N, C-alpha and C. Protein backbone atom coordinates (compact mmCIF):
# COMPACT_ATOMS: atom_id res chain seq x y z
N MET A 1 -19.18 6.47 14.38
CA MET A 1 -18.61 7.79 14.23
C MET A 1 -17.79 7.81 12.94
N PRO A 2 -18.09 8.72 12.04
CA PRO A 2 -17.33 8.77 10.79
C PRO A 2 -15.95 9.37 10.98
N GLN A 3 -15.07 9.05 10.05
CA GLN A 3 -13.73 9.65 10.06
C GLN A 3 -13.83 11.14 9.73
N PRO A 4 -12.79 11.90 10.00
CA PRO A 4 -12.80 13.33 9.64
C PRO A 4 -13.05 13.53 8.14
N ASP A 5 -13.59 14.69 7.79
CA ASP A 5 -13.99 14.96 6.41
C ASP A 5 -12.86 15.44 5.50
N HIS A 6 -11.75 15.87 6.05
CA HIS A 6 -10.70 16.43 5.19
C HIS A 6 -9.94 15.36 4.43
N VAL A 7 -9.27 15.78 3.35
CA VAL A 7 -8.39 14.90 2.58
C VAL A 7 -7.04 14.82 3.28
N SER A 8 -6.49 15.98 3.62
CA SER A 8 -5.22 16.09 4.34
C SER A 8 -5.11 17.52 4.86
N ILE A 9 -3.98 17.85 5.43
CA ILE A 9 -3.81 19.19 6.00
C ILE A 9 -3.58 20.26 4.94
N TYR A 10 -3.32 19.86 3.71
CA TYR A 10 -2.92 20.82 2.68
C TYR A 10 -4.11 21.45 1.99
N ASP A 11 -3.94 22.68 1.57
CA ASP A 11 -4.93 23.40 0.77
C ASP A 11 -4.70 22.96 -0.68
N LEU A 12 -5.53 22.05 -1.16
CA LEU A 12 -5.29 21.39 -2.44
C LEU A 12 -5.91 22.15 -3.60
N PRO A 13 -5.27 22.11 -4.76
CA PRO A 13 -5.83 22.79 -5.93
C PRO A 13 -7.12 22.11 -6.39
N ASP A 14 -7.95 22.87 -7.04
CA ASP A 14 -9.13 22.31 -7.68
C ASP A 14 -8.64 21.38 -8.80
N PRO A 15 -9.18 20.18 -8.92
CA PRO A 15 -8.72 19.27 -9.99
C PRO A 15 -8.79 19.90 -11.38
N ASP A 16 -9.72 20.83 -11.59
CA ASP A 16 -9.82 21.50 -12.90
C ASP A 16 -8.63 22.41 -13.17
N ASP A 17 -7.87 22.76 -12.13
CA ASP A 17 -6.72 23.63 -12.28
C ASP A 17 -5.40 22.87 -12.46
N LEU A 18 -5.46 21.54 -12.47
CA LEU A 18 -4.25 20.75 -12.65
C LEU A 18 -3.79 20.81 -14.11
N ASP A 19 -2.52 20.47 -14.32
CA ASP A 19 -2.00 20.36 -15.68
C ASP A 19 -2.76 19.27 -16.43
N ASP A 20 -2.76 19.36 -17.74
CA ASP A 20 -3.57 18.43 -18.55
C ASP A 20 -3.22 16.97 -18.31
N ASP A 21 -1.93 16.65 -18.15
CA ASP A 21 -1.56 15.25 -17.92
C ASP A 21 -2.09 14.73 -16.59
N MET A 22 -2.12 15.59 -15.59
CA MET A 22 -2.62 15.18 -14.28
C MET A 22 -4.15 15.11 -14.28
N LYS A 23 -4.81 15.99 -15.02
CA LYS A 23 -6.27 15.87 -15.18
C LYS A 23 -6.60 14.54 -15.84
N ALA A 24 -5.83 14.17 -16.86
CA ALA A 24 -6.07 12.90 -17.55
C ALA A 24 -5.82 11.72 -16.61
N TYR A 25 -4.79 11.82 -15.77
CA TYR A 25 -4.50 10.74 -14.82
C TYR A 25 -5.63 10.60 -13.80
N PHE A 26 -6.11 11.71 -13.30
CA PHE A 26 -7.24 11.67 -12.36
C PHE A 26 -8.47 11.10 -13.03
N ALA A 27 -8.69 11.40 -14.31
CA ALA A 27 -9.84 10.85 -15.04
C ALA A 27 -9.73 9.34 -15.17
N ILE A 28 -8.51 8.85 -15.40
CA ILE A 28 -8.30 7.39 -15.47
C ILE A 28 -8.63 6.75 -14.12
N CYS A 29 -8.15 7.37 -13.04
CA CYS A 29 -8.45 6.86 -11.69
C CYS A 29 -9.96 6.83 -11.46
N GLN A 30 -10.63 7.90 -11.80
CA GLN A 30 -12.08 7.97 -11.60
C GLN A 30 -12.77 6.87 -12.40
N ASP A 31 -12.32 6.65 -13.63
CA ASP A 31 -12.93 5.64 -14.48
C ASP A 31 -12.68 4.22 -13.95
N LYS A 32 -11.43 3.94 -13.55
CA LYS A 32 -11.07 2.59 -13.11
C LYS A 32 -11.51 2.28 -11.69
N LEU A 33 -11.40 3.27 -10.80
CA LEU A 33 -11.63 3.03 -9.37
C LEU A 33 -12.96 3.60 -8.87
N GLY A 34 -13.53 4.50 -9.64
CA GLY A 34 -14.74 5.19 -9.19
C GLY A 34 -14.43 6.35 -8.26
N MET A 35 -13.16 6.71 -8.13
CA MET A 35 -12.72 7.79 -7.26
C MET A 35 -11.27 8.12 -7.58
N VAL A 36 -10.82 9.27 -7.11
CA VAL A 36 -9.40 9.61 -7.15
C VAL A 36 -8.88 9.39 -5.73
N PRO A 37 -7.96 8.44 -5.54
CA PRO A 37 -7.46 8.19 -4.19
C PRO A 37 -6.92 9.47 -3.54
N ASN A 38 -7.22 9.63 -2.26
CA ASN A 38 -6.81 10.84 -1.56
C ASN A 38 -5.30 11.03 -1.49
N VAL A 39 -4.54 9.95 -1.62
CA VAL A 39 -3.08 10.12 -1.66
C VAL A 39 -2.70 10.92 -2.90
N LEU A 40 -3.36 10.67 -4.02
CA LEU A 40 -3.06 11.42 -5.24
C LEU A 40 -3.56 12.85 -5.12
N ARG A 41 -4.73 13.01 -4.53
CA ARG A 41 -5.25 14.36 -4.31
C ARG A 41 -4.28 15.15 -3.42
N THR A 42 -3.74 14.51 -2.39
CA THR A 42 -2.79 15.19 -1.51
C THR A 42 -1.52 15.56 -2.27
N PHE A 43 -0.99 14.63 -3.06
CA PHE A 43 0.22 14.93 -3.82
C PHE A 43 -0.02 15.99 -4.89
N SER A 44 -1.28 16.28 -5.24
CA SER A 44 -1.54 17.33 -6.24
C SER A 44 -1.12 18.71 -5.72
N TYR A 45 -0.84 18.81 -4.44
CA TYR A 45 -0.29 20.04 -3.86
C TYR A 45 1.00 20.44 -4.60
N ASN A 46 1.75 19.43 -5.07
CA ASN A 46 2.97 19.65 -5.84
C ASN A 46 2.93 18.67 -7.02
N GLN A 47 2.57 19.18 -8.19
CA GLN A 47 2.34 18.28 -9.33
C GLN A 47 3.59 17.53 -9.79
N ASP A 48 4.76 18.11 -9.63
CA ASP A 48 5.98 17.39 -9.99
C ASP A 48 6.15 16.16 -9.09
N LYS A 49 5.87 16.34 -7.81
CA LYS A 49 5.97 15.20 -6.88
C LYS A 49 4.83 14.21 -7.11
N LEU A 50 3.67 14.70 -7.51
CA LEU A 50 2.57 13.81 -7.87
C LEU A 50 2.97 12.91 -9.04
N ARG A 51 3.58 13.50 -10.05
CA ARG A 51 4.03 12.71 -11.21
C ARG A 51 5.04 11.64 -10.78
N ALA A 52 6.01 12.05 -9.97
CA ALA A 52 7.05 11.12 -9.52
C ALA A 52 6.44 10.01 -8.66
N PHE A 53 5.55 10.39 -7.75
CA PHE A 53 4.91 9.41 -6.88
C PHE A 53 4.11 8.41 -7.71
N ALA A 54 3.30 8.91 -8.63
CA ALA A 54 2.45 8.04 -9.44
C ALA A 54 3.27 7.09 -10.29
N GLN A 55 4.34 7.60 -10.89
CA GLN A 55 5.18 6.73 -11.72
C GLN A 55 5.84 5.64 -10.88
N TYR A 56 6.38 6.02 -9.73
CA TYR A 56 7.05 5.04 -8.88
C TYR A 56 6.05 4.01 -8.36
N TYR A 57 4.89 4.49 -7.87
CA TYR A 57 3.87 3.58 -7.35
C TYR A 57 3.43 2.59 -8.43
N ASN A 58 3.13 3.10 -9.62
CA ASN A 58 2.63 2.23 -10.69
C ASN A 58 3.68 1.21 -11.11
N THR A 59 4.95 1.61 -11.14
CA THR A 59 6.02 0.67 -11.46
C THR A 59 6.17 -0.37 -10.35
N LEU A 60 6.13 0.08 -9.12
CA LEU A 60 6.33 -0.80 -7.97
C LEU A 60 5.19 -1.80 -7.79
N MET A 61 3.96 -1.32 -7.90
CA MET A 61 2.81 -2.14 -7.50
C MET A 61 2.06 -2.79 -8.66
N LEU A 62 2.21 -2.27 -9.88
CA LEU A 62 1.42 -2.77 -10.99
C LEU A 62 2.24 -3.41 -12.10
N ALA A 63 3.51 -3.08 -12.20
CA ALA A 63 4.35 -3.62 -13.27
C ALA A 63 4.68 -5.09 -12.99
N PRO A 64 5.10 -5.82 -14.02
CA PRO A 64 5.48 -7.23 -13.81
C PRO A 64 6.56 -7.36 -12.74
N SER A 65 6.41 -8.40 -11.93
CA SER A 65 7.35 -8.70 -10.85
C SER A 65 7.20 -10.17 -10.50
N GLY A 66 8.22 -10.73 -9.89
CA GLY A 66 8.10 -12.08 -9.36
C GLY A 66 7.14 -12.14 -8.18
N LEU A 67 6.87 -10.99 -7.57
CA LEU A 67 5.88 -10.89 -6.50
C LEU A 67 4.53 -10.61 -7.14
N SER A 68 3.52 -11.34 -6.74
CA SER A 68 2.19 -11.09 -7.28
C SER A 68 1.67 -9.75 -6.77
N LYS A 69 0.65 -9.24 -7.43
CA LYS A 69 0.02 -8.00 -6.96
C LYS A 69 -0.52 -8.19 -5.55
N LEU A 70 -1.11 -9.35 -5.28
CA LEU A 70 -1.62 -9.62 -3.94
C LEU A 70 -0.48 -9.61 -2.92
N GLU A 71 0.62 -10.28 -3.24
CA GLU A 71 1.75 -10.30 -2.30
C GLU A 71 2.24 -8.88 -2.00
N ARG A 72 2.33 -8.05 -3.02
CA ARG A 72 2.79 -6.67 -2.81
C ARG A 72 1.81 -5.90 -1.93
N GLU A 73 0.52 -6.12 -2.14
CA GLU A 73 -0.49 -5.45 -1.30
C GLU A 73 -0.44 -5.98 0.13
N MET A 74 -0.21 -7.28 0.29
CA MET A 74 -0.08 -7.85 1.63
C MET A 74 1.08 -7.20 2.38
N VAL A 75 2.20 -7.01 1.69
CA VAL A 75 3.36 -6.36 2.29
C VAL A 75 3.00 -4.92 2.66
N ALA A 76 2.30 -4.22 1.77
CA ALA A 76 1.89 -2.84 2.06
C ALA A 76 1.07 -2.77 3.35
N VAL A 77 0.18 -3.74 3.53
CA VAL A 77 -0.68 -3.73 4.72
C VAL A 77 0.14 -4.04 5.97
N VAL A 78 1.04 -4.99 5.91
CA VAL A 78 1.82 -5.34 7.09
C VAL A 78 2.75 -4.19 7.49
N VAL A 79 3.40 -3.56 6.53
CA VAL A 79 4.22 -2.39 6.84
C VAL A 79 3.35 -1.31 7.48
N SER A 80 2.18 -1.08 6.90
CA SER A 80 1.27 -0.04 7.40
C SER A 80 0.72 -0.39 8.77
N SER A 81 0.57 -1.67 9.05
CA SER A 81 0.15 -2.10 10.39
C SER A 81 1.24 -1.79 11.41
N ALA A 82 2.48 -2.09 11.05
CA ALA A 82 3.59 -1.79 11.96
C ALA A 82 3.69 -0.30 12.24
N ASN A 83 3.38 0.51 11.23
CA ASN A 83 3.47 1.97 11.37
C ASN A 83 2.16 2.61 11.81
N ARG A 84 1.09 1.82 11.91
CA ARG A 84 -0.24 2.32 12.28
C ARG A 84 -0.70 3.46 11.38
N CYS A 85 -0.54 3.25 10.09
CA CYS A 85 -0.92 4.27 9.10
C CYS A 85 -2.37 4.03 8.69
N PHE A 86 -3.26 4.86 9.19
CA PHE A 86 -4.69 4.71 8.94
C PHE A 86 -5.00 4.73 7.44
N TYR A 87 -4.45 5.70 6.72
CA TYR A 87 -4.74 5.79 5.29
C TYR A 87 -4.40 4.48 4.58
N CYS A 88 -3.17 4.02 4.73
CA CYS A 88 -2.72 2.85 3.97
C CYS A 88 -3.36 1.56 4.45
N LEU A 89 -3.67 1.45 5.74
CA LEU A 89 -4.37 0.26 6.22
C LEU A 89 -5.74 0.14 5.56
N VAL A 90 -6.45 1.24 5.46
CA VAL A 90 -7.78 1.21 4.86
C VAL A 90 -7.68 0.96 3.35
N ALA A 91 -6.84 1.74 2.66
CA ALA A 91 -6.75 1.64 1.21
C ALA A 91 -6.17 0.30 0.75
N HIS A 92 -5.08 -0.14 1.37
CA HIS A 92 -4.43 -1.38 0.92
C HIS A 92 -5.08 -2.61 1.54
N GLY A 93 -5.73 -2.44 2.69
CA GLY A 93 -6.55 -3.53 3.22
C GLY A 93 -7.67 -3.87 2.25
N GLN A 94 -8.26 -2.85 1.64
CA GLN A 94 -9.29 -3.06 0.62
C GLN A 94 -8.71 -3.79 -0.59
N ALA A 95 -7.50 -3.41 -1.00
CA ALA A 95 -6.86 -4.08 -2.14
C ALA A 95 -6.62 -5.56 -1.85
N VAL A 96 -6.22 -5.88 -0.62
CA VAL A 96 -6.03 -7.29 -0.24
C VAL A 96 -7.36 -8.03 -0.30
N ARG A 97 -8.42 -7.39 0.22
CA ARG A 97 -9.74 -8.04 0.15
C ARG A 97 -10.14 -8.32 -1.29
N LYS A 98 -9.92 -7.35 -2.14
CA LYS A 98 -10.32 -7.49 -3.54
C LYS A 98 -9.50 -8.56 -4.26
N LEU A 99 -8.18 -8.49 -4.15
CA LEU A 99 -7.31 -9.40 -4.87
C LEU A 99 -7.39 -10.83 -4.36
N SER A 100 -7.64 -10.99 -3.06
CA SER A 100 -7.70 -12.34 -2.48
C SER A 100 -9.10 -12.92 -2.50
N GLY A 101 -10.12 -12.04 -2.60
CA GLY A 101 -11.50 -12.50 -2.48
C GLY A 101 -11.83 -12.93 -1.07
N ASP A 102 -10.99 -12.53 -0.12
CA ASP A 102 -11.13 -12.99 1.27
C ASP A 102 -11.12 -11.78 2.21
N PRO A 103 -12.30 -11.33 2.65
CA PRO A 103 -12.33 -10.16 3.54
C PRO A 103 -11.67 -10.42 4.89
N GLU A 104 -11.65 -11.67 5.33
CA GLU A 104 -11.00 -11.97 6.61
C GLU A 104 -9.49 -11.80 6.53
N LEU A 105 -8.90 -12.19 5.40
CA LEU A 105 -7.45 -12.04 5.24
C LEU A 105 -7.06 -10.57 5.37
N GLY A 106 -7.82 -9.69 4.71
CA GLY A 106 -7.51 -8.27 4.81
C GLY A 106 -7.51 -7.79 6.24
N GLU A 107 -8.51 -8.22 7.02
CA GLU A 107 -8.60 -7.78 8.41
C GLU A 107 -7.49 -8.37 9.27
N MET A 108 -7.15 -9.64 9.02
CA MET A 108 -6.06 -10.26 9.80
C MET A 108 -4.75 -9.53 9.56
N LEU A 109 -4.47 -9.18 8.30
CA LEU A 109 -3.22 -8.49 8.00
C LEU A 109 -3.20 -7.10 8.63
N VAL A 110 -4.34 -6.43 8.66
CA VAL A 110 -4.42 -5.12 9.29
C VAL A 110 -4.11 -5.21 10.77
N MET A 111 -4.66 -6.20 11.44
CA MET A 111 -4.55 -6.28 12.91
C MET A 111 -3.33 -7.05 13.39
N ASN A 112 -3.09 -8.23 12.78
CA ASN A 112 -1.97 -9.07 13.22
C ASN A 112 -1.78 -10.17 12.19
N TYR A 113 -0.88 -9.96 11.26
CA TYR A 113 -0.69 -10.90 10.15
C TYR A 113 -0.34 -12.31 10.63
N ARG A 114 0.17 -12.44 11.84
CA ARG A 114 0.60 -13.75 12.33
C ARG A 114 -0.55 -14.73 12.55
N VAL A 115 -1.79 -14.22 12.65
CA VAL A 115 -2.93 -15.13 12.84
C VAL A 115 -3.42 -15.71 11.51
N ALA A 116 -2.98 -15.16 10.39
CA ALA A 116 -3.41 -15.63 9.08
C ALA A 116 -2.70 -16.94 8.72
N LYS A 117 -3.44 -17.84 8.08
CA LYS A 117 -2.84 -19.08 7.58
C LYS A 117 -2.21 -18.76 6.23
N LEU A 118 -0.91 -18.59 6.25
CA LEU A 118 -0.16 -18.20 5.07
C LEU A 118 0.77 -19.33 4.64
N ASP A 119 1.10 -19.35 3.35
CA ASP A 119 2.09 -20.34 2.93
C ASP A 119 3.48 -19.87 3.39
N PRO A 120 4.47 -20.77 3.40
CA PRO A 120 5.79 -20.39 3.92
C PRO A 120 6.42 -19.19 3.21
N ARG A 121 6.19 -19.07 1.92
CA ARG A 121 6.73 -17.92 1.17
C ARG A 121 6.13 -16.61 1.69
N GLN A 122 4.82 -16.57 1.79
CA GLN A 122 4.15 -15.36 2.27
C GLN A 122 4.56 -15.05 3.71
N ARG A 123 4.63 -16.07 4.55
CA ARG A 123 5.03 -15.86 5.95
C ARG A 123 6.43 -15.25 6.01
N ALA A 124 7.35 -15.78 5.23
CA ALA A 124 8.72 -15.26 5.24
C ALA A 124 8.75 -13.81 4.75
N MET A 125 7.98 -13.50 3.71
CA MET A 125 7.95 -12.13 3.19
C MET A 125 7.40 -11.17 4.23
N LEU A 126 6.32 -11.56 4.90
CA LEU A 126 5.70 -10.66 5.87
C LEU A 126 6.53 -10.54 7.14
N ASP A 127 7.18 -11.63 7.54
CA ASP A 127 8.10 -11.53 8.69
C ASP A 127 9.23 -10.55 8.37
N PHE A 128 9.76 -10.63 7.15
CA PHE A 128 10.83 -9.72 6.74
C PHE A 128 10.32 -8.28 6.69
N ALA A 129 9.11 -8.08 6.16
CA ALA A 129 8.53 -6.73 6.08
C ALA A 129 8.37 -6.13 7.48
N TRP A 130 7.89 -6.95 8.40
CA TRP A 130 7.70 -6.46 9.78
C TRP A 130 9.04 -6.08 10.41
N LYS A 131 10.02 -6.97 10.27
CA LYS A 131 11.32 -6.72 10.89
C LYS A 131 12.02 -5.52 10.27
N LEU A 132 12.00 -5.42 8.93
CA LEU A 132 12.66 -4.29 8.27
C LEU A 132 11.98 -2.97 8.63
N THR A 133 10.70 -3.01 8.97
CA THR A 133 9.98 -1.81 9.37
C THR A 133 10.23 -1.46 10.84
N LYS A 134 10.14 -2.46 11.71
CA LYS A 134 10.22 -2.20 13.16
C LYS A 134 11.65 -2.11 13.67
N THR A 135 12.54 -2.98 13.19
CA THR A 135 13.92 -2.99 13.68
C THR A 135 14.89 -3.16 12.50
N PRO A 136 14.95 -2.18 11.62
CA PRO A 136 15.79 -2.33 10.42
C PRO A 136 17.26 -2.58 10.73
N PHE A 137 17.72 -2.09 11.86
CA PHE A 137 19.12 -2.27 12.25
C PHE A 137 19.44 -3.71 12.61
N ASP A 138 18.42 -4.55 12.81
CA ASP A 138 18.63 -5.97 13.13
C ASP A 138 18.61 -6.87 11.90
N VAL A 139 18.30 -6.33 10.74
CA VAL A 139 18.22 -7.15 9.52
C VAL A 139 19.63 -7.50 9.06
N GLY A 140 19.82 -8.79 8.76
CA GLY A 140 21.14 -9.24 8.33
C GLY A 140 21.05 -10.40 7.35
N ASP A 141 22.17 -11.05 7.14
CA ASP A 141 22.26 -12.14 6.17
C ASP A 141 21.28 -13.27 6.48
N ALA A 142 21.07 -13.57 7.74
CA ALA A 142 20.15 -14.66 8.10
C ALA A 142 18.72 -14.36 7.62
N ASP A 143 18.33 -13.10 7.65
CA ASP A 143 16.99 -12.73 7.20
C ASP A 143 16.85 -12.90 5.69
N ARG A 144 17.89 -12.50 4.96
CA ARG A 144 17.86 -12.68 3.51
C ARG A 144 17.91 -14.16 3.15
N GLU A 145 18.67 -14.93 3.92
CA GLU A 145 18.74 -16.37 3.67
C GLU A 145 17.39 -17.04 3.93
N ALA A 146 16.66 -16.57 4.92
CA ALA A 146 15.32 -17.11 5.19
C ALA A 146 14.39 -16.87 4.00
N LEU A 147 14.54 -15.73 3.36
CA LEU A 147 13.73 -15.45 2.16
C LEU A 147 14.12 -16.41 1.03
N ARG A 148 15.41 -16.62 0.84
CA ARG A 148 15.86 -17.56 -0.19
C ARG A 148 15.36 -18.96 0.11
N ALA A 149 15.42 -19.36 1.37
CA ALA A 149 14.96 -20.70 1.77
C ALA A 149 13.47 -20.87 1.52
N ALA A 150 12.72 -19.77 1.56
CA ALA A 150 11.27 -19.82 1.30
C ALA A 150 10.97 -19.76 -0.20
N GLY A 151 12.03 -19.71 -1.01
CA GLY A 151 11.84 -19.78 -2.46
C GLY A 151 11.91 -18.47 -3.20
N LEU A 152 12.27 -17.37 -2.53
CA LEU A 152 12.36 -16.08 -3.23
C LEU A 152 13.67 -15.97 -3.98
N ALA A 153 13.59 -15.55 -5.23
CA ALA A 153 14.76 -15.28 -6.05
C ALA A 153 15.33 -13.92 -5.66
N GLU A 154 16.56 -13.67 -6.08
CA GLU A 154 17.20 -12.39 -5.74
C GLU A 154 16.39 -11.20 -6.25
N SER A 155 15.82 -11.33 -7.45
CA SER A 155 15.02 -10.23 -8.00
C SER A 155 13.76 -10.01 -7.17
N GLU A 156 13.22 -11.07 -6.60
CA GLU A 156 12.03 -10.94 -5.74
C GLU A 156 12.40 -10.30 -4.40
N ILE A 157 13.57 -10.63 -3.87
CA ILE A 157 14.03 -9.99 -2.64
C ILE A 157 14.25 -8.50 -2.88
N PHE A 158 14.79 -8.17 -4.04
CA PHE A 158 14.95 -6.75 -4.42
C PHE A 158 13.60 -6.06 -4.43
N ASP A 159 12.61 -6.64 -5.12
CA ASP A 159 11.28 -6.05 -5.21
C ASP A 159 10.62 -5.96 -3.84
N LEU A 160 10.80 -6.99 -3.02
CA LEU A 160 10.24 -6.98 -1.67
C LEU A 160 10.80 -5.82 -0.86
N ALA A 161 12.11 -5.65 -0.87
CA ALA A 161 12.73 -4.55 -0.13
C ALA A 161 12.25 -3.20 -0.66
N ASP A 162 12.05 -3.11 -1.96
CA ASP A 162 11.58 -1.88 -2.58
C ASP A 162 10.16 -1.54 -2.10
N VAL A 163 9.27 -2.54 -2.07
CA VAL A 163 7.90 -2.31 -1.59
C VAL A 163 7.91 -1.91 -0.12
N ILE A 164 8.70 -2.60 0.68
CA ILE A 164 8.78 -2.28 2.11
C ILE A 164 9.27 -0.84 2.30
N GLY A 165 10.33 -0.47 1.62
CA GLY A 165 10.88 0.87 1.75
C GLY A 165 9.89 1.94 1.30
N PHE A 166 9.21 1.69 0.18
CA PHE A 166 8.24 2.66 -0.33
C PHE A 166 7.11 2.88 0.67
N PHE A 167 6.58 1.81 1.24
CA PHE A 167 5.45 2.00 2.15
C PHE A 167 5.88 2.58 3.49
N ASN A 168 7.10 2.36 3.91
CA ASN A 168 7.57 3.08 5.09
C ASN A 168 7.61 4.58 4.81
N MET A 169 8.08 4.96 3.64
CA MET A 169 8.09 6.38 3.27
C MET A 169 6.66 6.91 3.15
N SER A 170 5.81 6.23 2.41
CA SER A 170 4.47 6.76 2.18
C SER A 170 3.63 6.76 3.45
N ASN A 171 3.85 5.79 4.35
CA ASN A 171 3.16 5.83 5.65
C ASN A 171 3.51 7.09 6.41
N ARG A 172 4.78 7.42 6.42
CA ARG A 172 5.21 8.59 7.18
C ARG A 172 4.67 9.88 6.56
N PHE A 173 4.62 9.93 5.24
CA PHE A 173 4.04 11.11 4.59
C PHE A 173 2.54 11.19 4.88
N ALA A 174 1.84 10.07 4.81
CA ALA A 174 0.39 10.07 5.07
C ALA A 174 0.09 10.50 6.51
N ILE A 175 0.87 9.99 7.45
CA ILE A 175 0.67 10.35 8.85
C ILE A 175 1.00 11.83 9.07
N ALA A 176 2.10 12.30 8.51
CA ALA A 176 2.51 13.69 8.69
C ALA A 176 1.49 14.66 8.11
N SER A 177 0.83 14.26 7.02
CA SER A 177 -0.13 15.14 6.36
C SER A 177 -1.56 14.90 6.82
N ASP A 178 -1.75 14.05 7.83
CA ASP A 178 -3.09 13.73 8.35
C ASP A 178 -4.04 13.33 7.22
N MET A 179 -3.53 12.47 6.34
CA MET A 179 -4.28 12.03 5.17
C MET A 179 -5.38 11.05 5.57
N MET A 180 -6.58 11.27 5.08
CA MET A 180 -7.71 10.40 5.34
C MET A 180 -7.99 9.53 4.11
N PRO A 181 -8.32 8.27 4.32
CA PRO A 181 -8.67 7.42 3.18
C PRO A 181 -10.02 7.84 2.59
N ASN A 182 -10.19 7.57 1.32
CA ASN A 182 -11.50 7.79 0.70
C ASN A 182 -12.51 6.92 1.43
N ARG A 183 -13.65 7.48 1.76
CA ARG A 183 -14.68 6.74 2.50
C ARG A 183 -15.12 5.48 1.78
N GLU A 184 -15.08 5.49 0.46
CA GLU A 184 -15.53 4.34 -0.33
C GLU A 184 -14.79 3.06 0.04
N TYR A 185 -13.50 3.18 0.39
CA TYR A 185 -12.70 2.00 0.70
C TYR A 185 -13.31 1.17 1.83
N HIS A 186 -13.92 1.83 2.80
CA HIS A 186 -14.39 1.13 4.00
C HIS A 186 -15.39 0.02 3.69
N GLY A 187 -16.25 0.24 2.71
CA GLY A 187 -17.30 -0.74 2.44
C GLY A 187 -17.02 -1.69 1.30
N MET A 188 -15.91 -1.51 0.62
CA MET A 188 -15.63 -2.30 -0.58
C MET A 188 -15.12 -3.70 -0.25
N ASP A 189 -15.60 -4.67 -1.03
CA ASP A 189 -15.08 -6.05 -1.01
C ASP A 189 -15.15 -6.69 0.38
N ARG A 190 -16.24 -6.45 1.07
CA ARG A 190 -16.42 -7.02 2.41
C ARG A 190 -17.05 -8.40 2.39
N ALA A 191 -17.71 -8.75 1.30
CA ALA A 191 -18.34 -10.08 1.20
C ALA A 191 -17.35 -11.04 0.54
N PRO A 192 -17.31 -12.30 1.00
CA PRO A 192 -16.41 -13.27 0.36
C PRO A 192 -16.73 -13.42 -1.12
N ALA A 193 -15.70 -13.65 -1.92
CA ALA A 193 -15.91 -13.88 -3.35
C ALA A 193 -16.74 -15.14 -3.53
N SER A 194 -17.66 -15.09 -4.48
CA SER A 194 -18.51 -16.28 -4.69
C SER A 194 -17.92 -17.20 -5.73
């Protein structure tokens, strides 16, 4: 059974009617990804918020950080698993498959990250992501110390908290707007890297 056909609940503008900078951004997405992610299409409902979202996302997930791109995507998937965000599980699960070359890792993180064989650093990061998402009121000094003990620097803990916070926000927006992932994500990077 296929997923619903809509992008989200919003009546979205035709991409040809977007401002020139946003048309150019969508063209870059189409060129690099072969599609415009539905999260961007949904945010096109308000182009000022689309610009802000895109800038923050690109800084958070693509700019240099002590956290690798794979680690950031792994955190995105674990947060999205805790929140049961269909859009982000599909989209970021695909990113984990691609960056890791391991389709099983992507599926384990989607369903239950605890079954994955992770190094101590990754385990500590994902345990923190889960706890900060599910019971943020229980996070304290011992949790931050566990991250330090696993080798994370203060700047990495900052970036980790930033990724966790961003995906909690974006999960809630995706769920509230009934956002559907691009169908292309479902079939991408399913074979192990050779």
